[in-house]
Amino acid sequence: QVQLVESGGGLVQPGGSLRLACATSGLTFDYIAMNWYRQTPGKERELVAAISSDGVVTNYADSVKGRFTISRDNAKKMVYLQMNKLKPEDTAVYYCSANRAYWGQGTQVTVSS
């Protein structure tokens, strides 16, 4: 059974940082690309960051380039999203995805003073 469980969300002030983590099980993790998406009410889920199976290739939404960093630890079957210089518009539910085939339950990130 495949499971993805996000953690690390919360309330942070503008300019602050958070690190999201996604613990996975049941996947052939070494061979699957991983993604972070986010969604706000009334909007479609958008891709925030993606990382190749070997961690060599990463891609980011223009809105987060230079502020967010995706990484993975294949030995631990974990994927991370380091979010720096957070803005109020980063407020959303953040989802971990295994190549868009499997999804976590999401973790709320709220950026507000």
C-alpha atoms as a PDB file:
ATOM      1  CA  GLN A   1       0.000   0.000   0.000  1.00  0.00           C
ATOM      2  CA  VAL A   2       1.376   3.354  -1.052  1.00  0.00           C
ATOM      3  CA  GLN A   3       1.371   6.122   1.538  1.00  0.00           C
ATOM      4  CA  LEU A   4       2.615   9.686   1.376  1.00  0.00           C
ATOM      5  CA  VAL A   5       2.492  11.731   4.559  1.00  0.00           C
ATOM      6  CA  GLU A   6       3.376  15.419   4.615  1.00  0.00           C
ATOM      7  CA  SER A   7       4.522  17.335   7.650  1.00  0.00           C
ATOM      8  CA  GLY A   8       6.084  20.675   8.536  1.00  0.00           C
ATOM      9  CA  GLY A   9       3.312  23.081   7.635  1.00  0.00           C
ATOM     10  CA  GLY A  10       2.165  25.854   9.908  1.00  0.00           C
ATOM     11  CA  LEU A  11       1.834  29.590  10.430  1.00  0.00           C
ATOM     12  CA  VAL A  12       4.819  31.775   9.595  1.00  0.00           C
ATOM     13  CA  GLN A  13       5.375  35.494   9.185  1.00  0.00           C
ATOM     14  CA  PRO A  14       6.217  36.986   5.795  1.00  0.00           C
ATOM     15  CA  GLY A  15       9.913  36.592   5.106  1.00  0.00           C
ATOM     16  CA  GLY A  16      10.112  33.494   7.247  1.00  0.00           C
ATOM     17  CA  SER A  17      10.981  29.912   6.381  1.00  0.00           C
ATOM     18  CA  LEU A  18       9.433  26.474   6.622  1.00  0.00           C
ATOM     19  CA  ARG A  19      10.640  23.048   5.665  1.00  0.00           C
ATOM     20  CA  LEU A  20       8.060  20.547   4.477  1.00  0.00           C
ATOM     21  CA  ALA A  21       8.768  16.842   4.556  1.00  0.00           C
ATOM     22  CA  CYS A  22       7.039  13.945   2.840  1.00  0.00           C
ATOM     23  CA  ALA A  23       7.497  10.441   4.170  1.00  0.00           C
ATOM     24  CA  THR A  24       6.713   7.687   1.708  1.00  0.00           C
ATOM     25  CA  SER A  25       6.138   3.962   1.863  1.00  0.00           C
ATOM     26  CA  GLY A  26       5.129   1.301  -0.603  1.00  0.00           C
ATOM     27  CA  LEU A  27       6.896   2.995  -3.512  1.00  0.00           C
ATOM     28  CA  THR A  28       9.890   1.990  -5.562  1.00  0.00           C
ATOM     29  CA  PHE A  29      11.132   5.342  -4.449  1.00  0.00           C
ATOM     30  CA  ASP A  30      14.479   5.265  -6.215  1.00  0.00           C
ATOM     31  CA  TYR A  31      12.749   5.121  -9.592  1.00  0.00           C
ATOM     32  CA  ILE A  32      10.007   7.699  -9.303  1.00  0.00           C
ATOM     33  CA  ALA A  33       9.990  11.447  -9.755  1.00  0.00           C
ATOM     34  CA  MET A  34       8.483  13.410  -6.897  1.00  0.00           C
ATOM     35  CA  ASN A  35       6.556  16.654  -6.880  1.00  0.00           C
ATOM     36  CA  TRP A  36       5.202  19.287  -4.546  1.00  0.00           C
ATOM     37  CA  TYR A  37       1.919  20.925  -5.480  1.00  0.00           C
ATOM     38  CA  ARG A  38      -0.174  23.542  -3.726  1.00  0.00           C
ATOM     39  CA  GLN A  39      -3.798  24.559  -3.830  1.00  0.00           C
ATOM     40  CA  THR A  40      -5.881  27.434  -2.532  1.00  0.00           C
ATOM     41  CA  PRO A  41      -9.699  27.486  -2.358  1.00  0.00           C
ATOM     42  CA  GLY A  42     -11.303  28.018  -5.738  1.00  0.00           C
ATOM     43  CA  LYS A  43      -8.085  27.470  -7.668  1.00  0.00           C
ATOM     44  CA  GLU A  44      -6.585  24.525  -9.465  1.00  0.00           C
ATOM     45  CA  ARG A  45      -3.763  22.623  -7.883  1.00  0.00           C
ATOM     46  CA  GLU A  46      -0.480  24.006  -9.191  1.00  0.00           C
ATOM     47  CA  LEU A  47       2.941  22.443  -9.483  1.00  0.00           C
ATOM     48  CA  VAL A  48       5.435  24.099  -7.170  1.00  0.00           C
ATOM     49  CA  ALA A  49       8.535  21.945  -7.601  1.00  0.00           C
ATOM     50  CA  ALA A  50       9.630  18.653  -9.112  1.00  0.00           C
ATOM     51  CA  ILE A  51      12.654  16.447  -8.707  1.00  0.00           C
ATOM     52  CA  SER A  52      13.878  13.536 -10.798  1.00  0.00           C
ATOM     53  CA  SER A  53      14.262  10.050  -9.369  1.00  0.00           C
ATOM     54  CA  ASP A  54      17.996  10.498  -8.906  1.00  0.00           C
ATOM     55  CA  GLY A  55      17.691  14.020  -7.559  1.00  0.00           C
ATOM     56  CA  VAL A  56      19.773  15.505 -10.349  1.00  0.00           C
ATOM     57  CA  VAL A  57      17.062  17.447 -12.185  1.00  0.00           C
ATOM     58  CA  THR A  58      14.781  19.924 -10.463  1.00  0.00           C
ATOM     59  CA  ASN A  59      12.130  22.294 -11.766  1.00  0.00           C
ATOM     60  CA  TYR A  60      10.266  25.118 -10.092  1.00  0.00           C
ATOM     61  CA  ALA A  61       7.282  27.323 -10.711  1.00  0.00           C
ATOM     62  CA  ASP A  62       8.398  30.816 -11.660  1.00  0.00           C
ATOM     63  CA  SER A  63       6.693  32.184  -8.558  1.00  0.00           C
ATOM     64  CA  VAL A  64       8.996  30.225  -6.209  1.00  0.00           C
ATOM     65  CA  LYS A  65      12.298  30.156  -8.094  1.00  0.00           C
ATOM     66  CA  GLY A  66      15.155  31.333  -5.920  1.00  0.00           C
ATOM     67  CA  ARG A  67      13.108  30.911  -2.736  1.00  0.00           C
ATOM     68  CA  PHE A  68      12.125  27.228  -2.610  1.00  0.00           C
ATOM     69  CA  THR A  69      14.355  24.175  -2.865  1.00  0.00           C
ATOM     70  CA  ILE A  70      13.193  20.618  -3.422  1.00  0.00           C
ATOM     71  CA  SER A  71      15.396  17.729  -2.354  1.00  0.00           C
ATOM     72  CA  ARG A  72      15.140  14.027  -1.655  1.00  0.00           C
ATOM     73  CA  ASP A  73      16.800  11.311   0.377  1.00  0.00           C
ATOM     74  CA  ASN A  74      16.375   8.025  -1.434  1.00  0.00           C
ATOM     75  CA  ALA A  75      17.784   6.031   1.470  1.00  0.00           C
ATOM     76  CA  LYS A  76      15.048   7.384   3.750  1.00  0.00           C
ATOM     77  CA  LYS A  77      12.398   7.553   1.005  1.00  0.00           C
ATOM     78  CA  MET A  78      11.760  11.174   1.881  1.00  0.00           C
ATOM     79  CA  VAL A  79      11.262  14.313  -0.161  1.00  0.00           C
ATOM     80  CA  TYR A  80      11.574  17.845   1.205  1.00  0.00           C
ATOM     81  CA  LEU A  81      10.613  21.368   0.288  1.00  0.00           C
ATOM     82  CA  GLN A  82      12.652  24.154   1.873  1.00  0.00           C
ATOM     83  CA  MET A  83      10.682  27.373   1.622  1.00  0.00           C
ATOM     84  CA  ASN A  84      12.453  30.661   2.309  1.00  0.00           C
ATOM     85  CA  LYS A  85      11.396  34.298   2.033  1.00  0.00           C
ATOM     86  CA  LEU A  86       7.778  33.241   2.293  1.00  0.00           C
ATOM     87  CA  LYS A  87       5.084  35.577   1.040  1.00  0.00           C
ATOM     88  CA  PRO A  88       1.375  35.768   1.878  1.00  0.00           C
ATOM     89  CA  GLU A  89       0.617  34.476  -1.617  1.00  0.00           C
ATOM     90  CA  ASP A  90       2.423  31.242  -0.727  1.00  0.00           C
ATOM     91  CA  THR A  91      -0.447  30.431   1.633  1.00  0.00           C
ATOM     92  CA  ALA A  92      -1.981  27.157   0.477  1.00  0.00           C
ATOM     93  CA  VAL A  93      -2.347  23.477   1.205  1.00  0.00           C
ATOM     94  CA  TYR A  94       0.826  21.788   0.023  1.00  0.00           C
ATOM     95  CA  TYR A  95       0.696  18.255  -1.370  1.00  0.00           C
ATOM     96  CA  CYS A  96       3.406  15.733  -1.977  1.00  0.00           C
ATOM     97  CA  SER A  97       2.957  13.625  -5.105  1.00  0.00           C
ATOM     98  CA  ALA A  98       4.694  10.606  -6.543  1.00  0.00           C
ATOM     99  CA  ASN A  99       4.769  11.496 -10.231  1.00  0.00           C
ATOM    100  CA  ARG A 100       1.116  12.578  -9.982  1.00  0.00           C
ATOM    101  CA  ALA A 101       0.040   8.958  -9.482  1.00  0.00           C
ATOM    102  CA  TYR A 102      -0.116   9.061  -5.680  1.00  0.00           C
ATOM    103  CA  TRP A 103      -0.851  11.939  -3.333  1.00  0.00           C
ATOM    104  CA  GLY A 104      -0.527  12.813   0.305  1.00  0.00           C
ATOM    105  CA  GLN A 105      -3.273  14.361   2.398  1.00  0.00           C
ATOM    106  CA  GLY A 106      -1.706  17.811   2.337  1.00  0.00           C
ATOM    107  CA  THR A 107      -0.297  20.191   4.919  1.00  0.00           C
ATOM    108  CA  GLN A 108      -1.471  23.759   5.455  1.00  0.00           C
ATOM    109  CA  VAL A 109       1.007  26.594   5.078  1.00  0.00           C
ATOM    110  CA  THR A 110      -0.176  30.026   6.161  1.00  0.00           C
ATOM    111  CA  VAL A 111       1.980  33.102   5.692  1.00  0.00           C
ATOM    112  CA  SER A 112       0.603  36.011   7.658  1.00  0.00           C
ATOM    113  CA  SER A 113       1.643  38.689  10.102  1.00  0.00           C
END
